[in-house]
Structures are given as structure tokens and as C-alpha cells.
């Protein structure tokens, strides 16, 4: 999209798997408000751009300035992005696309090796008049064998895969396109990842030279797992390289006597779950009819959009000092939209007349539910306790 219109900026909000794309068309108009443009997908106003698979996009149109506010009003103050998805064509066609990727942390944080760290800790102890935490033999062993490489325990090589199957076809009057997309990304931080499914169907029927029908349906489901918390990375830099990762009982070391007052980086990886699940279904249908008056066309469209979003958090015994807890926040949103367009487009001699009258209504309903519990009886069930 970047480069299609002057001033359009496309950036990734973060490097985590499933990170949303951020688009700015008219810059940052508000410090505290929403600067996102208005997205329109196949005529549905207010669509979520991150639910659109790029392989399904046929055209993208960017509206700025007065063009974006003339029809959409204040909703288009940050610009408007109009997306049209691909349609079917005559003749059966099956297409498959596959992608595989590898992600690496190209540069890790530069931290002191265990031997030098022990020497500095001893120097601080000497300066403050306290006892030396490390003996000369321990420092020599750290210099020879090294200590705990916390970053190696937190980071990994991330892998990703994406598969797209598209089936299209039709006859003289009716065409269809069905596409399915699967995306699976494993983050470069252990026990983190993103998974998404998208199914899209477009059906178009030309009844005669005046009347046509269309039906667009798409559904998505996604899950972010442990991509919103950086505690493991922070503690990997804070915990001393002289502290072993695991204790004699085989469990992660509970406390760090030298570096950090917080829990082991491994506990932030495996003793909590921070999940975001989203499921969406959109049904969008309409008709287009050429009225008896030359150049006058009526277009009617109805759409229903359902979105369920769940934020699921669990904190285990080790991170909660023996009091495991869970929180579940659920949101259900239903949007009903009706758009009526009356378009007059005629050419008279060397002149052309184009006029559009639009009547659009939207009904938006939202329900929220929050549940929290602590002291869970079955911690191994995680947030499924509630």
C-alpha cells in the first residue's frame, strides 16, 4: 500500500508474531485519539484490515482530504482505504501458494560474562565493606567454563509457514471464488506464537443486463500466545550469569541472590499464559439494478458482522507466590449495516454528469464479560478454571 498515495506510511506495530500493521494516511491527527484510517472491504464500512489476507486483495484505493470526508464524514478524517477482494471467473481454476520462513534474533544484548560479573560484584562488596560473594576459585571456574546464558534460554530460532488455496470458476452468469488461508508463526522467544485461519467466499450472479446479485462471506479465527509480555527478556538481562538456571530439584531457580528481585526468566516463559483469541464472521450481500432512466443505477447492500474477542490470562504458583490466578475478558460485537446507493452517470455531448446519493445505517451492539479468580484449585488447567 505504501507508495500508492503521497504521505501513506505503513509500519509494523511490533516484531511479535501476528503484530498488526499500522497505516497512517494523514499523519498523526490526535495525540490521545485513534489515528487509524477507515477501512472498507467489499463495501463493508469499518472492517478490520488485519483480518484481510493480502493474497485475496484485487484492488486498493486510498482516499485523502475532502474525498474521504465527502461521503464518510468524520469517520474518514484519518483517510479511507477501500479494498476490493478478488472475484471468480469462467472456467475452473485451482491455485496453491506456500511460504516457509525462519526468524532469528540477529543481535543479542551485550552483557558481562560470568567471570567479569563476579569480579565486579566482589569489588562492590569490598567497597561497601560486606563479605565477598565469590571465591577466587569460583571466579576462575566462571572464566573457564562460563555461566548461565539466559538469552540462549529465552530466545530461539522462530519458524513460520503460510498456506493459501484458492478455487475459482463459474459459468456464463454465475461465478465464484473460495479461498482458504492458514498462517502459523513461532516467535523468537520460547513458548510464543501466532496462528490464524481465514476462509473467504465471493459469489456473483448476472441475472440479465440490468440486474445482478453478489454475496461475500468471510470468517477468521486467530490466537496470539504469549506475544504481549516482555518479562522473560527483561529478566534475562537482569538475572546474574552466575546464578544457575535450574536448582537441584530440577525446577527453575526460584530467586537470584545477586541480580534481580523478580522471578526466573523461565517462569515468565512457562508459568504464565497470555492469550488473545479472536473470531469473526462477516456476511455481505447486495444487488445492483439499472433503472429505466438512462444512466441511473440503484445499488442495495446489507451486511452482518460478528466479532468475538477473548483476553485470557493465567499466572502460576511460582510467579504469584503460591496463589495462582486467572482472568477472562470476553467481548461480543454485532454490527448491522445497510447501504443504499443511487448513482446517476450520463454523458451529454462533450459533457458528463455524475451524481451519487447515499443512505447508510449502522447498528452496533457490544457485550462484555470479565471473570477473575485467584487461589485456583487446579492450576494445571490454567485459565480454563473459569
Protein backbone atom coordinates (compact mmCIF):
# COMPACT_ATOMS: atom_id res chain seq x y z
CA UNK A 1 0.00 0.00 0.00
CA UNK A 2 2.87 2.36 0.76
CA UNK A 3 3.67 4.36 -2.37
CA UNK A 4 0.13 4.25 -3.79
CA UNK A 5 -0.57 7.72 -2.45
CA UNK A 6 1.66 10.50 -1.19
CA UNK A 7 2.10 10.55 2.56
CA UNK A 8 0.92 6.99 3.24
CA UNK A 9 3.05 5.29 5.89
CA UNK A 10 2.88 1.58 6.68
CA UNK A 11 4.73 0.23 9.71
CA UNK A 12 4.64 -2.86 11.89
CA UNK A 13 3.46 -2.11 15.44
CA UNK A 14 5.93 -4.62 16.91
CA UNK A 15 8.08 -7.58 15.95
CA UNK A 16 5.97 -10.17 17.74
CA UNK A 17 4.20 -12.88 15.72
CA UNK A 18 0.86 -11.61 14.48
CA UNK A 19 1.81 -7.98 15.07
CA UNK A 20 -0.71 -5.62 13.49
CA UNK A 21 0.19 -3.29 10.65
CA UNK A 22 -0.21 0.42 11.35
CA UNK A 23 -1.22 2.70 8.49
CA UNK A 24 -1.10 6.48 8.60
CA UNK A 25 -2.57 8.40 5.68
CA UNK A 26 -2.80 11.91 7.02
CA UNK A 27 -0.19 11.67 9.75
CA UNK A 28 -0.98 11.73 13.45
CA UNK A 29 -4.02 13.98 13.86
CA UNK A 30 -4.55 13.17 17.52
CA UNK A 31 -2.20 12.61 20.46
CA UNK A 32 -4.61 10.51 22.50
CA UNK A 33 -7.25 9.55 19.93
CA UNK A 34 -7.35 6.97 17.15
CA UNK A 35 -5.28 7.82 14.07
CA UNK A 36 -6.24 4.74 12.05
CA UNK A 37 -7.94 5.25 8.68
CA UNK A 38 -11.41 3.93 7.91
CA UNK A 39 -11.28 0.55 6.16
CA UNK A 40 -13.94 -0.56 3.69
CA UNK A 41 -13.77 -4.14 2.42
CA UNK A 42 -16.18 -5.09 -0.37
CA UNK A 43 -18.49 -2.29 0.70
CA UNK A 44 -18.49 -3.12 4.42
CA UNK A 45 -17.56 0.01 6.37
CA UNK A 46 -15.36 -0.41 9.45
CA UNK A 47 -13.70 -3.70 8.55
CA UNK A 48 -10.58 -4.90 10.37
CA UNK A 49 -7.65 -4.60 7.95
CA UNK A 50 -5.68 -7.27 9.82
CA UNK A 51 -8.39 -9.83 9.02
CA UNK A 52 -7.80 -9.40 5.27
CA UNK A 53 -5.41 -11.81 3.60
CA UNK A 54 -3.16 -9.90 1.15
CA UNK A 55 -3.47 -12.71 -1.40
CA UNK A 56 -7.24 -12.07 -1.58
CA UNK A 57 -6.89 -8.38 -2.47
CA UNK A 58 -7.76 -7.33 -6.02
CA UNK A 59 -7.50 -3.53 -5.70
CA UNK A 60 -6.72 -0.93 -3.03
CA UNK A 61 -7.86 2.67 -3.25
CA UNK A 62 -6.70 5.37 -0.82
CA UNK A 63 -8.89 8.44 -0.29
CA UNK A 64 -7.49 11.57 1.34
CA UNK A 65 -8.58 15.06 2.22
CA UNK A 66 -12.06 16.14 1.05
CA UNK A 67 -12.58 12.97 -0.97
CA UNK A 68 -12.61 10.86 2.20
CA UNK A 69 -14.98 13.08 4.16
CA UNK A 70 -17.50 13.93 1.46
CA UNK A 71 -19.27 10.57 1.88
CA UNK A 72 -17.96 9.11 5.14
CA UNK A 73 -17.97 12.27 7.24
CA UNK A 74 -15.89 12.43 10.40
CA UNK A 75 -15.18 8.68 10.20
CA UNK A 76 -12.92 9.44 7.24
CA UNK A 77 -10.97 12.18 9.00
CA UNK A 78 -7.86 9.97 9.06
CA UNK A 79 -8.32 8.86 5.45
CA UNK A 80 -10.19 5.97 3.86
CA UNK A 81 -8.82 2.71 2.48
CA UNK A 82 -11.16 0.92 0.07
CA UNK A 83 -10.30 -2.74 -0.54
CA UNK A 84 -11.91 -4.92 -3.19
CA UNK A 85 -11.25 -8.65 -2.99
CA UNK A 86 -10.81 -10.98 -5.92
CA UNK A 87 -13.78 -12.40 -7.79
CA UNK A 88 -14.23 -15.61 -9.72
CA UNK A 89 -14.09 -16.05 -13.49
CA UNK A 90 -15.42 -18.53 -16.00
CA UNK A 91 -13.62 -21.87 -16.02
CA UNK A 92 -12.36 -23.89 -13.09
CA UNK A 93 -9.03 -22.75 -11.63
CA UNK A 94 -7.21 -24.08 -8.56
CA UNK A 95 -4.19 -22.28 -7.12
CA UNK A 96 -1.90 -23.07 -4.19
CA UNK A 97 0.68 -20.82 -2.56
CA UNK A 98 3.04 -21.92 0.21
CA UNK A 99 5.60 -19.97 2.18
CA UNK A 100 8.09 -21.02 4.82
CA UNK A 101 10.22 -18.66 6.88
CA UNK A 102 12.89 -18.62 9.57
CA UNK A 103 13.33 -15.79 12.08
CA UNK A 104 16.47 -15.03 14.03
CA UNK A 105 17.48 -12.58 16.71
CA UNK A 106 20.32 -11.08 14.65
CA UNK A 107 21.96 -9.26 17.56
CA UNK A 108 21.67 -10.17 21.19
CA UNK A 109 22.22 -7.84 24.11
CA UNK A 110 25.83 -7.40 25.14
CA UNK A 111 26.16 -8.45 28.78
CA UNK A 112 29.08 -9.24 31.08
CA UNK A 113 30.40 -12.81 31.09
CA UNK A 114 30.07 -14.64 34.40
CA UNK A 115 33.74 -14.22 35.40
CA UNK A 116 33.82 -10.45 34.93
CA UNK A 117 30.42 -10.11 36.56
CA UNK A 118 31.65 -12.00 39.67
CA UNK A 119 34.72 -9.75 39.89
CA UNK A 120 32.57 -6.60 39.74
CA UNK A 121 30.21 -7.97 42.40
CA UNK A 122 33.19 -8.68 44.66
CA UNK A 123 34.58 -5.19 44.02
CA UNK A 124 31.26 -3.68 45.05
CA UNK A 125 31.20 -5.82 48.18
CA UNK A 126 34.71 -4.67 49.06
CA UNK A 127 33.75 -1.02 48.55
CA UNK A 128 30.69 -1.37 50.80
CA UNK A 129 32.51 -3.39 53.46
CA UNK A 130 30.43 -6.56 53.07
CA UNK A 131 31.54 -10.14 52.58
CA UNK A 132 32.74 -11.38 49.18
CA UNK A 133 30.01 -13.41 47.42
CA UNK A 134 32.52 -15.30 45.22
CA UNK A 135 35.81 -17.01 45.97
CA UNK A 136 38.84 -16.80 43.70
CA UNK A 137 38.31 -20.44 42.67
CA UNK A 138 34.68 -19.75 41.69
CA UNK A 139 35.72 -16.76 39.59
CA UNK A 140 38.36 -18.88 37.86
CA UNK A 141 35.77 -21.56 37.07
CA UNK A 142 33.37 -18.94 35.69
CA UNK A 143 36.11 -17.59 33.44
CA UNK A 144 36.97 -21.05 32.22
CA UNK A 145 33.51 -22.62 31.89
CA UNK A 146 31.26 -19.59 31.66
CA UNK A 147 27.98 -19.16 33.48
CA UNK A 148 24.30 -19.15 32.59
CA UNK A 149 23.49 -17.73 29.19
CA UNK A 150 19.99 -16.50 29.93
CA UNK A 151 19.42 -15.15 26.45
CA UNK A 152 20.03 -18.60 24.95
CA UNK A 153 17.36 -19.99 27.26
CA UNK A 154 14.86 -17.30 26.29
CA UNK A 155 15.49 -16.86 22.56
CA UNK A 156 15.21 -19.47 19.84
CA UNK A 157 15.02 -19.74 16.07
CA UNK A 158 11.50 -18.87 15.04
CA UNK A 159 9.79 -20.67 12.17
CA UNK A 160 6.73 -19.78 10.13
CA UNK A 161 4.54 -21.26 7.46
CA UNK A 162 1.64 -19.98 5.38
CA UNK A 163 -0.59 -21.90 3.00
CA UNK A 164 -3.20 -20.48 0.61
CA UNK A 165 -5.62 -22.48 -1.53
CA UNK A 166 -7.91 -20.69 -3.99
CA UNK A 167 -10.62 -22.29 -6.08
CA UNK A 168 -12.50 -20.18 -8.63
CA UNK A 169 -14.80 -20.84 -11.53
CA UNK A 170 -18.31 -20.42 -12.85
CA UNK A 171 -20.41 -20.25 -15.94
CA UNK A 172 -21.86 -17.57 -18.15
CA UNK A 173 -23.93 -15.88 -15.45
CA UNK A 174 -22.60 -17.03 -12.08
CA UNK A 175 -19.00 -17.02 -10.88
CA UNK A 176 -17.49 -17.95 -7.54
CA UNK A 177 -14.21 -17.81 -5.66
CA UNK A 178 -13.36 -19.72 -2.47
CA UNK A 179 -10.05 -19.19 -0.70
CA UNK A 180 -8.59 -20.59 2.50
CA UNK A 181 -5.50 -19.32 4.29
CA UNK A 182 -3.52 -20.79 7.19
CA UNK A 183 -0.73 -18.90 8.95
CA UNK A 184 1.42 -20.28 11.75
CA UNK A 185 4.28 -18.25 13.26
CA UNK A 186 6.54 -19.30 16.12
CA UNK A 187 8.19 -16.33 17.83
CA UNK A 188 11.90 -15.98 18.50
CA UNK A 189 11.01 -16.04 22.20
CA UNK A 190 10.30 -19.54 23.52
CA UNK A 191 6.66 -20.50 24.06
CA UNK A 192 5.26 -17.66 21.95
CA UNK A 193 3.45 -17.71 18.64
CA UNK A 194 0.53 -16.73 16.44
CA UNK A 195 -1.94 -18.83 14.46
CA UNK A 196 -4.64 -17.64 12.06
CA UNK A 197 -7.26 -19.16 9.75
CA UNK A 198 -9.15 -17.25 7.04
CA UNK A 199 -11.94 -18.54 4.80
CA UNK A 200 -13.44 -16.28 2.12
CA UNK A 201 -16.17 -16.86 -0.46
CA UNK A 202 -17.35 -14.48 -3.20
CA UNK A 203 -20.34 -15.32 -5.42
CA UNK A 204 -21.58 -13.08 -8.24
CA UNK A 205 -24.61 -13.61 -10.46
CA UNK A 206 -25.58 -11.55 -13.51
CA UNK A 207 -29.29 -12.31 -13.93
CA UNK A 208 -29.67 -10.14 -17.02
CA UNK A 209 -28.22 -6.96 -18.46
CA UNK A 210 -29.95 -4.90 -15.75
CA UNK A 211 -29.90 -6.97 -12.55
CA UNK A 212 -27.01 -8.61 -10.70
CA UNK A 213 -26.56 -10.14 -7.24
CA UNK A 214 -23.47 -10.63 -5.09
CA UNK A 215 -22.69 -12.44 -1.86
CA UNK A 216 -19.42 -12.12 0.07
CA UNK A 217 -18.70 -14.21 3.14
CA UNK A 218 -15.55 -14.39 5.17
CA UNK A 219 -14.61 -15.88 8.53
CA UNK A 220 -11.41 -15.62 10.53
CA UNK A 221 -10.02 -17.13 13.68
CA UNK A 222 -6.72 -16.22 15.33
CA UNK A 223 -4.79 -16.79 18.53
CA UNK A 224 -1.82 -14.90 19.98
CA UNK A 225 0.09 -16.83 22.62
CA UNK A 226 2.49 -15.02 24.96
CA UNK A 227 3.29 -12.26 22.47
CA UNK A 228 2.28 -9.33 24.67
CA UNK A 229 4.67 -9.70 27.61
CA UNK A 230 8.40 -8.95 27.67
CA UNK A 231 9.09 -10.10 31.20
CA UNK A 232 11.28 -13.01 30.14
CA UNK A 233 13.56 -10.77 28.07
CA UNK A 234 13.85 -8.15 30.82
CA UNK A 235 14.74 -10.73 33.45
CA UNK A 236 17.18 -12.47 31.10
CA UNK A 237 19.18 -9.24 31.24
CA UNK A 238 18.64 -8.73 34.98
CA UNK A 239 19.43 -12.19 36.35
CA UNK A 240 23.06 -12.80 37.18
CA UNK A 241 25.04 -15.06 34.83
CA UNK A 242 26.47 -16.68 37.99
CA UNK A 243 23.04 -17.97 39.03
CA UNK A 244 22.20 -21.45 37.68
CA UNK A 245 19.04 -21.77 35.61
CA UNK A 246 17.81 -24.84 37.49
CA UNK A 247 18.03 -25.98 41.09
CA UNK A 248 18.87 -29.40 42.47
CA UNK A 249 15.17 -30.34 42.27
CA UNK A 250 15.18 -29.84 38.51
CA UNK A 251 12.91 -26.80 38.72
CA UNK A 252 13.94 -23.29 37.63
CA UNK A 253 15.91 -21.48 40.32
CA UNK A 254 13.41 -19.57 42.41
CA UNK A 255 15.41 -16.47 43.39
CA UNK A 256 18.54 -14.67 42.25
CA UNK A 257 20.74 -13.68 45.20
CA UNK A 258 22.80 -11.24 43.16
CA UNK A 259 20.98 -9.71 40.19
CA UNK A 260 17.20 -9.38 40.21
CA UNK A 261 14.45 -9.36 42.84
CA UNK A 262 11.98 -10.82 40.32
CA UNK A 263 11.37 -14.39 39.28
CA UNK A 264 13.40 -16.58 36.96
CA UNK A 265 13.11 -15.70 33.23
CA UNK A 266 11.99 -19.28 32.62
CA UNK A 267 8.99 -18.73 34.89
CA UNK A 268 7.89 -15.84 32.69
CA UNK A 269 8.01 -18.25 29.75
CA UNK A 270 6.32 -21.30 31.22
CA UNK A 271 4.48 -20.29 34.41
CA UNK A 272 2.03 -17.93 32.72
CA UNK A 273 -0.19 -17.74 29.66
CA UNK A 274 -1.25 -14.51 27.97
CA UNK A 275 -3.55 -15.40 25.10
CA UNK A 276 -5.72 -13.34 22.79
CA UNK A 277 -8.33 -15.19 20.74
CA UNK A 278 -10.41 -13.53 18.03
CA UNK A 279 -13.13 -14.97 15.83
CA UNK A 280 -15.03 -13.00 13.20
CA UNK A 281 -17.76 -13.74 10.68
CA UNK A 282 -18.96 -11.32 8.00
CA UNK A 283 -21.88 -11.87 5.61
CA UNK A 284 -22.28 -9.19 2.97
CA UNK A 285 -24.83 -9.32 0.17
CA UNK A 286 -26.26 -6.89 -2.32
CA UNK A 287 -27.89 -6.24 -5.66
CA UNK A 288 -27.35 -3.79 -8.47
CA UNK A 289 -30.19 -2.72 -10.75
CA UNK A 290 -30.12 -0.39 -13.76
CA UNK A 291 -33.28 1.68 -13.62
CA UNK A 292 -35.28 2.56 -16.75
CA UNK A 293 -33.86 6.09 -16.70
CA UNK A 294 -30.65 6.19 -18.71
CA UNK A 295 -27.55 6.31 -16.51
CA UNK A 296 -29.46 5.76 -13.25
CA UNK A 297 -28.39 2.76 -11.14
CA UNK A 298 -29.61 1.55 -7.76
CA UNK A 299 -27.32 -0.47 -5.50
CA UNK A 300 -28.56 -2.06 -2.26
CA UNK A 301 -26.28 -3.81 0.22
CA UNK A 302 -26.80 -5.46 3.60
CA UNK A 303 -24.07 -6.74 5.89
CA UNK A 304 -23.83 -8.53 9.25
CA UNK A 305 -20.53 -8.65 11.11
CA UNK A 306 -19.88 -10.66 14.29
CA UNK A 307 -16.70 -10.44 16.35
CA UNK A 308 -15.77 -12.36 19.48
CA UNK A 309 -12.58 -11.33 21.25
CA UNK A 310 -11.17 -13.00 24.36
CA UNK A 311 -8.23 -11.98 26.50
CA UNK A 312 -7.17 -14.95 28.62
CA UNK A 313 -4.50 -14.60 31.31
CA UNK A 314 -3.11 -17.15 33.75
CA UNK A 315 -0.39 -16.74 36.37
CA UNK A 316 1.01 -19.89 38.01
CA UNK A 317 2.19 -20.61 41.53
CA UNK A 318 5.78 -19.52 41.06
CA UNK A 319 5.02 -16.07 39.66
CA UNK A 320 2.15 -15.47 42.10
CA UNK A 321 3.89 -16.55 45.33
CA UNK A 322 1.75 -19.65 45.64
CA UNK A 323 -1.60 -18.03 44.73
CA UNK A 324 -2.30 -18.92 41.07
CA UNK A 325 -4.86 -16.71 39.35
CA UNK A 326 -6.69 -16.37 36.05
CA UNK A 327 -8.65 -13.68 34.23
CA UNK A 328 -11.00 -13.99 31.28
CA UNK A 329 -12.27 -10.92 29.42
CA UNK A 330 -14.72 -11.58 26.61
CA UNK A 331 -16.30 -9.18 24.11
CA UNK A 332 -19.10 -9.89 21.64
CA UNK A 333 -19.80 -7.32 18.92
CA UNK A 334 -22.56 -7.41 16.31
CA UNK A 335 -22.78 -4.80 13.54
CA UNK A 336 -25.69 -4.49 11.11
CA UNK A 337 -25.19 -2.31 8.07
CA UNK A 338 -27.45 -1.20 5.24
CA UNK A 339 -26.08 0.89 2.37
CA UNK A 340 -28.25 2.29 -0.43
CA UNK A 341 -26.62 3.99 -3.40
CA UNK A 342 -28.36 5.84 -6.18
CA UNK A 343 -25.90 6.71 -8.92
CA UNK A 344 -26.54 8.87 -11.96
CA UNK A 345 -23.83 8.79 -14.63
CA UNK A 346 -24.54 10.12 -18.11
CA UNK A 347 -22.60 11.75 -20.92
CA UNK A 348 -24.18 14.53 -22.97
CA UNK A 349 -22.06 15.64 -25.89
CA UNK A 350 -18.68 16.74 -24.53
CA UNK A 351 -20.03 16.93 -21.01
CA UNK A 352 -20.55 14.28 -18.36
CA UNK A 353 -22.72 14.31 -15.26
CA UNK A 354 -22.04 12.10 -12.25
CA UNK A 355 -24.06 12.33 -9.05
CA UNK A 356 -24.30 9.94 -6.11
CA UNK A 357 -26.88 9.82 -3.32
CA UNK A 358 -26.10 7.54 -0.37
CA UNK A 359 -28.19 6.46 2.60
CA UNK A 360 -26.40 4.26 5.11
CA UNK A 361 -27.41 2.97 8.52
CA UNK A 362 -25.39 1.02 11.07
CA UNK A 363 -26.46 -0.65 14.29
CA UNK A 364 -23.71 -1.63 16.71
CA UNK A 365 -24.16 -3.83 19.78
CA UNK A 366 -21.44 -4.87 22.24
CA UNK A 367 -21.47 -7.09 25.32
CA UNK A 368 -18.54 -7.53 27.71
CA UNK A 369 -17.88 -10.11 30.40
CA UNK A 370 -14.99 -10.19 32.86
CA UNK A 371 -14.23 -13.04 35.28
CA UNK A 372 -11.31 -13.24 37.70
CA UNK A 373 -10.33 -15.89 40.22
CA UNK A 374 -7.33 -16.49 42.48
CA UNK A 375 -6.18 -19.41 44.58
CA UNK A 376 -7.12 -21.83 41.81
CA UNK A 377 -7.72 -25.40 42.91
CA UNK A 378 -6.48 -26.90 39.63
CA UNK A 379 -3.63 -24.65 38.40
CA UNK A 380 -2.68 -27.09 35.65
CA UNK A 381 -5.96 -26.19 33.91
CA UNK A 382 -4.78 -22.59 33.51
CA UNK A 383 -7.44 -20.03 32.62
CA UNK A 384 -9.85 -22.88 31.84
CA UNK A 385 -10.56 -22.89 35.60
CA UNK A 386 -13.02 -20.09 34.84
